[in-house]
């Protein structure tokens, strides 16, 4: 296949596997030709896709075992992805973790996501953190239009983050992250004399967390938290100069709201309940007017106006600036407010710890059938021994195939405070 075929295949694979948009092409299909009833608007599939969707993959096994919820959960080394402001409540001075997630393992052996993350708590000015997310897409053979091999390449994407958070009071913290994104899908392959290039963008996260750690539930001590994180606020991304601005795509700007309740049952047992809600802050695909073939009376592609732009039947033009796309994402769905509410997906999680040494986790993720239909249960476990911690996650789909099914994910964490205490104890002895 030629470059454009490779890029289309990659885009479709990512959309299907990450967002389960197996009905991607129904976005531009007008039901009953150019007459859309309210019932048809209510039931049609209209998933949202973006560039670099790897930024939405849950990178760590702790949250992965709790239904991909983590906006307001207790702090860990992976907090940058879920809510950078959680770092403001860090109790340890330093933490570091490494995660590994096989991807589409049932089909191919060489696609995976690796994630490095860590933080350092300063004495006066808050907590700084950093992370590196690397997504490898395996080997791809490039061919020309005649099927002749012109080379091989291993497409890859990565995002490098720097984060900062600080407490603004006993119960409130604010934080943010700056992110450099690089998506190299072609290795600079030339197509019809035009060079392709890696897609690059810069984005920021803005987050906040409210945490009450002196709550009483009967005679039990409890902690509850409410958090928000608007992530990946950044420029659109493009892989070539062809088409100018019309050839660029939104990155997955996302708003995450979450809450948690941690109950210390007794000296040895604790349980935490977690819930997240997410909404992409990018344009919803409209319904385009169809060009009717006069000989058959049936649709024959999208109808274009005199300027070469597709004619929109219902909805709003998705070709907008970033700011306009963010604010317009709350009222641009062809089906109105009902469809807007369906664009929110939900994640629920539960985490049980025994003596801060062993954890068991459960979770559930829900997405509306017309917006991707991702529905799955998750299982997880964690163990902590002195300096090291190890977390596992396993996903069980309930509706359709998932790229993470039958796959064991893991995260290895390091507690440097425990390491320091261990060395001090050894020196005393």
Foldseek 3Di string as FASTA:
>chain_A
DAPVVLVVVVQVVCCCFVLVPPVAVQLAPDPVFQDADLVNLVPAFFADGFPPCVLVDLFAQVCQQAQNFDQADADDQPNQSRFLQNQQVDPAQKKKKKWKAAFLVVPDPPWIKIKIKMKGADPPFFIKMKMKIKTKPQKDFHDDPVRHTDDMDTWMKMKIKIKTKHAPDPFKIWMKMKIKIWTGRDVQDDDPNWTWAIKIKIFMKTKMKGKDQQDDDDPKGKIKMKMKMFTGLIFWIAGGPPPPLVRTTGDFGKIKIKMKMKIDPDQFKIKMKIKMKMAGQAATRAHFRFDADPVVRHGDGFDADPVRHGHGSFFDDRSDGSVCSRVCLCATRRSGNVVSVLRMKMKIKMWMGGNNFKIKMKMWIAHDPSHRGWTWIKIKMKGDDQFKIKIKMAIGTDPDDHRRHPHIMMMMMTRVVSVVVVVVVVVVD
